[in-house]
Amino acid sequence: MASVNVDDTLIEWSAGAEARVAWFASSARGRRGSCRRCGSALFCRDEGDAHVSVAAGALDNPVAVFVKDHIYTADKGDWYELPDDGLPRHRGDRPQLKGENS
């Protein structure tokens, strides 16, 4: 799944859109948001983070985003080939960089 980390303060909801998202606890510190109508995965947020991971396919075009790194590569399906793009690969979540918000 391709997702984009977005600062909470930059998210703008269309009228009534926020009420159409169902949030549930997916772990001890994380929550996921999905569409109440179709069940599509839309968001992921960890407790205390200043950003939300948004499913890239849920954004209006153009998104003007680019791939920064590959995460959870240890969990990828054996049928999925990672591109030879020279970007960093992390077996789990990407490490937080010094000075970066959570």
N, C-alpha and C. Protein backbone atom coordinates (compact mmCIF):
# COMPACT_ATOMS: atom_id res chain seq x y z
N MET A 1 0.84 -1.17 0.00
CA MET A 1 0.00 0.00 0.00
C MET A 1 0.89 1.23 0.00
N ALA A 2 0.60 2.18 -0.83
CA ALA A 2 1.32 3.45 -0.86
C ALA A 2 0.59 4.43 0.03
N SER A 3 1.35 5.04 0.95
CA SER A 3 0.73 6.03 1.82
C SER A 3 1.65 7.24 1.94
N VAL A 4 1.04 8.34 2.38
CA VAL A 4 1.74 9.61 2.49
C VAL A 4 1.57 10.12 3.91
N ASN A 5 2.67 10.49 4.58
CA ASN A 5 2.57 11.08 5.90
C ASN A 5 2.22 12.56 5.75
N VAL A 6 1.12 12.96 6.39
CA VAL A 6 0.63 14.34 6.28
C VAL A 6 0.52 14.93 7.68
N ASP A 7 1.05 16.13 7.86
CA ASP A 7 0.92 16.83 9.13
C ASP A 7 -0.57 17.06 9.41
N ASP A 8 -0.98 16.80 10.64
CA ASP A 8 -2.39 16.96 11.03
C ASP A 8 -2.95 18.32 10.65
N THR A 9 -2.15 19.36 10.77
CA THR A 9 -2.65 20.71 10.52
C THR A 9 -2.92 20.98 9.05
N LEU A 10 -2.44 20.11 8.17
CA LEU A 10 -2.62 20.32 6.73
C LEU A 10 -3.81 19.57 6.15
N ILE A 11 -4.47 18.75 6.97
CA ILE A 11 -5.60 17.96 6.48
C ILE A 11 -6.86 18.81 6.49
N GLU A 12 -7.52 18.89 5.34
CA GLU A 12 -8.78 19.60 5.22
C GLU A 12 -9.86 18.60 4.82
N TRP A 13 -10.96 18.60 5.57
CA TRP A 13 -12.06 17.68 5.31
C TRP A 13 -13.14 18.36 4.50
N SER A 14 -13.67 17.68 3.50
CA SER A 14 -14.85 18.17 2.80
C SER A 14 -16.03 18.09 3.76
N ALA A 15 -17.07 18.87 3.49
CA ALA A 15 -18.24 18.89 4.37
C ALA A 15 -18.78 17.48 4.58
N GLY A 16 -18.83 17.03 5.83
CA GLY A 16 -19.38 15.73 6.18
C GLY A 16 -18.45 14.55 5.99
N ALA A 17 -17.28 14.76 5.40
CA ALA A 17 -16.38 13.65 5.10
C ALA A 17 -15.84 12.98 6.36
N GLU A 18 -15.50 13.76 7.37
CA GLU A 18 -14.91 13.19 8.58
C GLU A 18 -15.88 12.22 9.26
N ALA A 19 -17.16 12.49 9.18
CA ALA A 19 -18.16 11.60 9.79
C ALA A 19 -18.29 10.28 9.04
N ARG A 20 -17.77 10.21 7.82
CA ARG A 20 -17.87 8.98 7.04
C ARG A 20 -16.67 8.06 7.25
N VAL A 21 -15.79 8.43 8.19
CA VAL A 21 -14.62 7.60 8.50
C VAL A 21 -14.85 6.88 9.82
N ALA A 22 -14.62 5.57 9.82
CA ALA A 22 -14.72 4.75 11.04
C ALA A 22 -13.31 4.50 11.54
N TRP A 23 -13.01 4.89 12.78
CA TRP A 23 -11.70 4.67 13.39
C TRP A 23 -11.75 3.47 14.32
N PHE A 24 -10.71 2.66 14.32
CA PHE A 24 -10.64 1.54 15.25
C PHE A 24 -9.20 1.34 15.71
N ALA A 25 -9.04 0.81 16.92
CA ALA A 25 -7.71 0.55 17.47
C ALA A 25 -7.13 -0.68 16.79
N SER A 26 -6.02 -0.49 16.08
CA SER A 26 -5.39 -1.62 15.38
C SER A 26 -4.21 -2.19 16.16
N SER A 27 -3.78 -1.47 17.19
CA SER A 27 -2.71 -1.94 18.07
C SER A 27 -2.81 -1.16 19.38
N ALA A 28 -1.88 -1.40 20.28
CA ALA A 28 -1.91 -0.71 21.57
C ALA A 28 -1.73 0.80 21.40
N ARG A 29 -1.03 1.23 20.35
CA ARG A 29 -0.84 2.66 20.17
C ARG A 29 -1.31 3.21 18.83
N GLY A 30 -1.85 2.37 17.98
CA GLY A 30 -2.25 2.82 16.66
C GLY A 30 -3.73 2.70 16.38
N ARG A 31 -4.22 3.60 15.52
CA ARG A 31 -5.61 3.54 15.07
C ARG A 31 -5.62 3.60 13.55
N ARG A 32 -6.61 2.96 12.97
CA ARG A 32 -6.80 2.99 11.52
C ARG A 32 -8.17 3.56 11.21
N GLY A 33 -8.24 4.28 10.12
CA GLY A 33 -9.51 4.85 9.67
C GLY A 33 -9.89 4.26 8.34
N SER A 34 -11.16 3.89 8.20
CA SER A 34 -11.63 3.32 6.95
C SER A 34 -12.98 3.93 6.58
N CYS A 35 -13.35 3.79 5.34
CA CYS A 35 -14.62 4.31 4.84
C CYS A 35 -15.76 3.50 5.45
N ARG A 36 -16.73 4.20 6.05
CA ARG A 36 -17.88 3.51 6.64
C ARG A 36 -18.74 2.81 5.58
N ARG A 37 -18.72 3.30 4.36
CA ARG A 37 -19.57 2.73 3.31
C ARG A 37 -18.95 1.50 2.65
N CYS A 38 -17.69 1.59 2.23
CA CYS A 38 -17.09 0.48 1.47
C CYS A 38 -16.00 -0.27 2.22
N GLY A 39 -15.51 0.29 3.33
CA GLY A 39 -14.48 -0.38 4.12
C GLY A 39 -13.05 -0.15 3.66
N SER A 40 -12.86 0.69 2.64
CA SER A 40 -11.51 0.95 2.15
C SER A 40 -10.62 1.54 3.24
N ALA A 41 -9.39 1.05 3.32
CA ALA A 41 -8.41 1.59 4.27
C ALA A 41 -7.99 2.98 3.80
N LEU A 42 -8.08 3.96 4.70
CA LEU A 42 -7.77 5.34 4.33
C LEU A 42 -6.65 5.96 5.15
N PHE A 43 -6.63 5.69 6.46
CA PHE A 43 -5.70 6.38 7.36
C PHE A 43 -5.08 5.43 8.37
N CYS A 44 -3.94 5.83 8.89
CA CYS A 44 -3.30 5.15 10.00
C CYS A 44 -2.63 6.22 10.85
N ARG A 45 -2.84 6.14 12.16
CA ARG A 45 -2.26 7.14 13.06
C ARG A 45 -1.79 6.46 14.33
N ASP A 46 -0.56 6.76 14.74
CA ASP A 46 -0.02 6.26 16.00
C ASP A 46 -0.23 7.31 17.08
N GLU A 47 -0.53 6.87 18.28
CA GLU A 47 -0.73 7.75 19.42
C GLU A 47 0.45 8.71 19.58
N GLY A 48 0.16 9.99 19.68
CA GLY A 48 1.19 10.99 19.90
C GLY A 48 1.88 11.51 18.66
N ASP A 49 1.63 10.91 17.50
CA ASP A 49 2.25 11.39 16.27
C ASP A 49 1.61 12.70 15.81
N ALA A 50 2.39 13.55 15.18
CA ALA A 50 1.89 14.82 14.66
C ALA A 50 1.43 14.68 13.21
N HIS A 51 1.44 13.45 12.71
CA HIS A 51 1.00 13.23 11.32
C HIS A 51 0.08 12.02 11.24
N VAL A 52 -0.56 11.94 10.11
CA VAL A 52 -1.44 10.82 9.78
C VAL A 52 -0.92 10.22 8.49
N SER A 53 -0.87 8.90 8.39
CA SER A 53 -0.54 8.25 7.13
C SER A 53 -1.83 8.13 6.33
N VAL A 54 -1.84 8.70 5.15
CA VAL A 54 -3.03 8.73 4.31
C VAL A 54 -2.78 7.84 3.09
N ALA A 55 -3.73 6.98 2.77
CA ALA A 55 -3.62 6.14 1.58
C ALA A 55 -3.53 7.06 0.36
N ALA A 56 -2.47 6.93 -0.42
CA ALA A 56 -2.24 7.83 -1.55
C ALA A 56 -3.40 7.80 -2.54
N GLY A 57 -4.04 6.65 -2.69
CA GLY A 57 -5.16 6.54 -3.62
C GLY A 57 -6.40 7.29 -3.17
N ALA A 58 -6.43 7.75 -1.93
CA ALA A 58 -7.58 8.48 -1.41
C ALA A 58 -7.46 9.99 -1.65
N LEU A 59 -6.31 10.43 -2.13
CA LEU A 59 -6.08 11.86 -2.34
C LEU A 59 -6.57 12.30 -3.71
N ASP A 60 -7.04 13.54 -3.78
CA ASP A 60 -7.40 14.13 -5.07
C ASP A 60 -6.13 14.37 -5.87
N ASN A 61 -6.21 14.23 -7.18
CA ASN A 61 -5.07 14.49 -8.06
C ASN A 61 -4.94 15.97 -8.34
N PRO A 62 -3.78 16.49 -8.62
CA PRO A 62 -2.48 15.83 -8.52
C PRO A 62 -1.98 15.82 -7.08
N VAL A 63 -1.25 14.80 -6.71
CA VAL A 63 -0.80 14.67 -5.32
C VAL A 63 0.60 15.23 -5.09
N ALA A 64 1.41 15.32 -6.13
CA ALA A 64 2.77 15.87 -6.02
C ALA A 64 3.55 15.22 -4.89
N VAL A 65 3.54 13.89 -4.82
CA VAL A 65 4.30 13.16 -3.82
C VAL A 65 5.33 12.28 -4.52
N PHE A 66 6.32 11.84 -3.78
CA PHE A 66 7.34 10.96 -4.34
C PHE A 66 7.71 9.92 -3.30
N VAL A 67 8.26 8.82 -3.74
CA VAL A 67 8.68 7.74 -2.85
C VAL A 67 9.98 8.16 -2.17
N LYS A 68 10.00 8.04 -0.83
CA LYS A 68 11.16 8.44 -0.04
C LYS A 68 11.97 7.23 0.41
N ASP A 69 11.26 6.14 0.76
CA ASP A 69 11.91 4.92 1.18
C ASP A 69 10.88 3.80 1.19
N HIS A 70 11.35 2.58 1.45
CA HIS A 70 10.48 1.40 1.49
C HIS A 70 10.50 0.88 2.93
N ILE A 71 9.32 0.68 3.53
CA ILE A 71 9.24 0.21 4.91
C ILE A 71 8.58 -1.16 4.97
N TYR A 72 8.81 -1.84 6.07
CA TYR A 72 8.27 -3.18 6.32
C TYR A 72 8.61 -4.15 5.20
N THR A 73 9.83 -4.05 4.69
CA THR A 73 10.23 -4.93 3.59
C THR A 73 10.32 -6.39 4.02
N ALA A 74 10.53 -6.65 5.31
CA ALA A 74 10.59 -8.03 5.79
C ALA A 74 9.23 -8.71 5.70
N ASP A 75 8.17 -7.92 5.60
CA ASP A 75 6.81 -8.48 5.56
C ASP A 75 6.21 -8.50 4.16
N LYS A 76 6.97 -8.09 3.16
CA LYS A 76 6.40 -8.05 1.80
C LYS A 76 6.13 -9.46 1.29
N GLY A 77 5.15 -9.58 0.44
CA GLY A 77 4.84 -10.87 -0.17
C GLY A 77 5.96 -11.33 -1.09
N ASP A 78 6.14 -12.64 -1.20
CA ASP A 78 7.21 -13.15 -2.06
C ASP A 78 6.94 -12.88 -3.54
N TRP A 79 5.71 -12.54 -3.88
CA TRP A 79 5.34 -12.23 -5.25
C TRP A 79 5.66 -10.78 -5.61
N TYR A 80 5.99 -9.95 -4.60
CA TYR A 80 6.22 -8.53 -4.85
C TYR A 80 7.71 -8.24 -4.99
N GLU A 81 8.08 -7.63 -6.10
CA GLU A 81 9.47 -7.26 -6.34
C GLU A 81 9.65 -5.78 -6.01
N LEU A 82 10.57 -5.48 -5.09
CA LEU A 82 10.89 -4.08 -4.81
C LEU A 82 11.66 -3.51 -5.99
N PRO A 83 11.35 -2.29 -6.38
CA PRO A 83 12.07 -1.70 -7.51
C PRO A 83 13.52 -1.44 -7.15
N ASP A 84 14.38 -1.50 -8.13
CA ASP A 84 15.80 -1.20 -7.94
C ASP A 84 15.99 0.30 -8.12
N ASP A 85 15.47 1.08 -7.13
CA ASP A 85 15.48 2.53 -7.25
C ASP A 85 16.52 3.22 -6.37
N GLY A 86 17.31 2.43 -5.62
CA GLY A 86 18.36 3.01 -4.80
C GLY A 86 17.87 3.67 -3.52
N LEU A 87 16.58 3.62 -3.24
CA LEU A 87 16.04 4.24 -2.03
C LEU A 87 16.27 3.34 -0.82
N PRO A 88 16.33 3.95 0.38
CA PRO A 88 16.53 3.16 1.59
C PRO A 88 15.42 2.12 1.78
N ARG A 89 15.80 0.98 2.33
CA ARG A 89 14.84 -0.10 2.63
C ARG A 89 14.94 -0.41 4.11
N HIS A 90 13.79 -0.51 4.77
CA HIS A 90 13.75 -0.79 6.20
C HIS A 90 12.96 -2.06 6.42
N ARG A 91 13.50 -2.98 7.19
CA ARG A 91 12.81 -4.24 7.47
C ARG A 91 11.51 -4.01 8.22
N GLY A 92 11.46 -2.98 9.04
CA GLY A 92 10.26 -2.61 9.79
C GLY A 92 9.89 -1.17 9.44
N ASP A 93 9.39 -0.45 10.44
CA ASP A 93 9.04 0.95 10.25
C ASP A 93 10.31 1.75 10.01
N ARG A 94 10.19 2.89 9.37
CA ARG A 94 11.38 3.70 9.13
C ARG A 94 11.79 4.37 10.43
N PRO A 95 13.09 4.45 10.68
CA PRO A 95 13.55 5.09 11.92
C PRO A 95 13.25 6.57 11.91
N GLN A 96 12.94 7.10 13.07
CA GLN A 96 12.70 8.53 13.19
C GLN A 96 14.03 9.26 13.11
N LEU A 97 14.08 10.27 12.29
CA LEU A 97 15.31 11.03 12.11
C LEU A 97 15.44 12.09 13.20
N LYS A 98 16.66 12.41 13.54
CA LYS A 98 16.92 13.41 14.58
C LYS A 98 16.27 14.74 14.17
N GLY A 99 15.48 15.33 15.09
CA GLY A 99 14.83 16.60 14.82
C GLY A 99 13.51 16.48 14.07
N GLU A 100 13.13 15.27 13.68
CA GLU A 100 11.89 15.06 12.94
C GLU A 100 10.75 14.84 13.92
N ASN A 101 9.57 15.40 13.62
CA ASN A 101 8.39 15.12 14.43
C ASN A 101 8.06 13.66 14.35
N SER A 102 7.39 13.12 15.40
CA SER A 102 7.05 11.70 15.36
C SER A 102 6.16 11.38 14.21
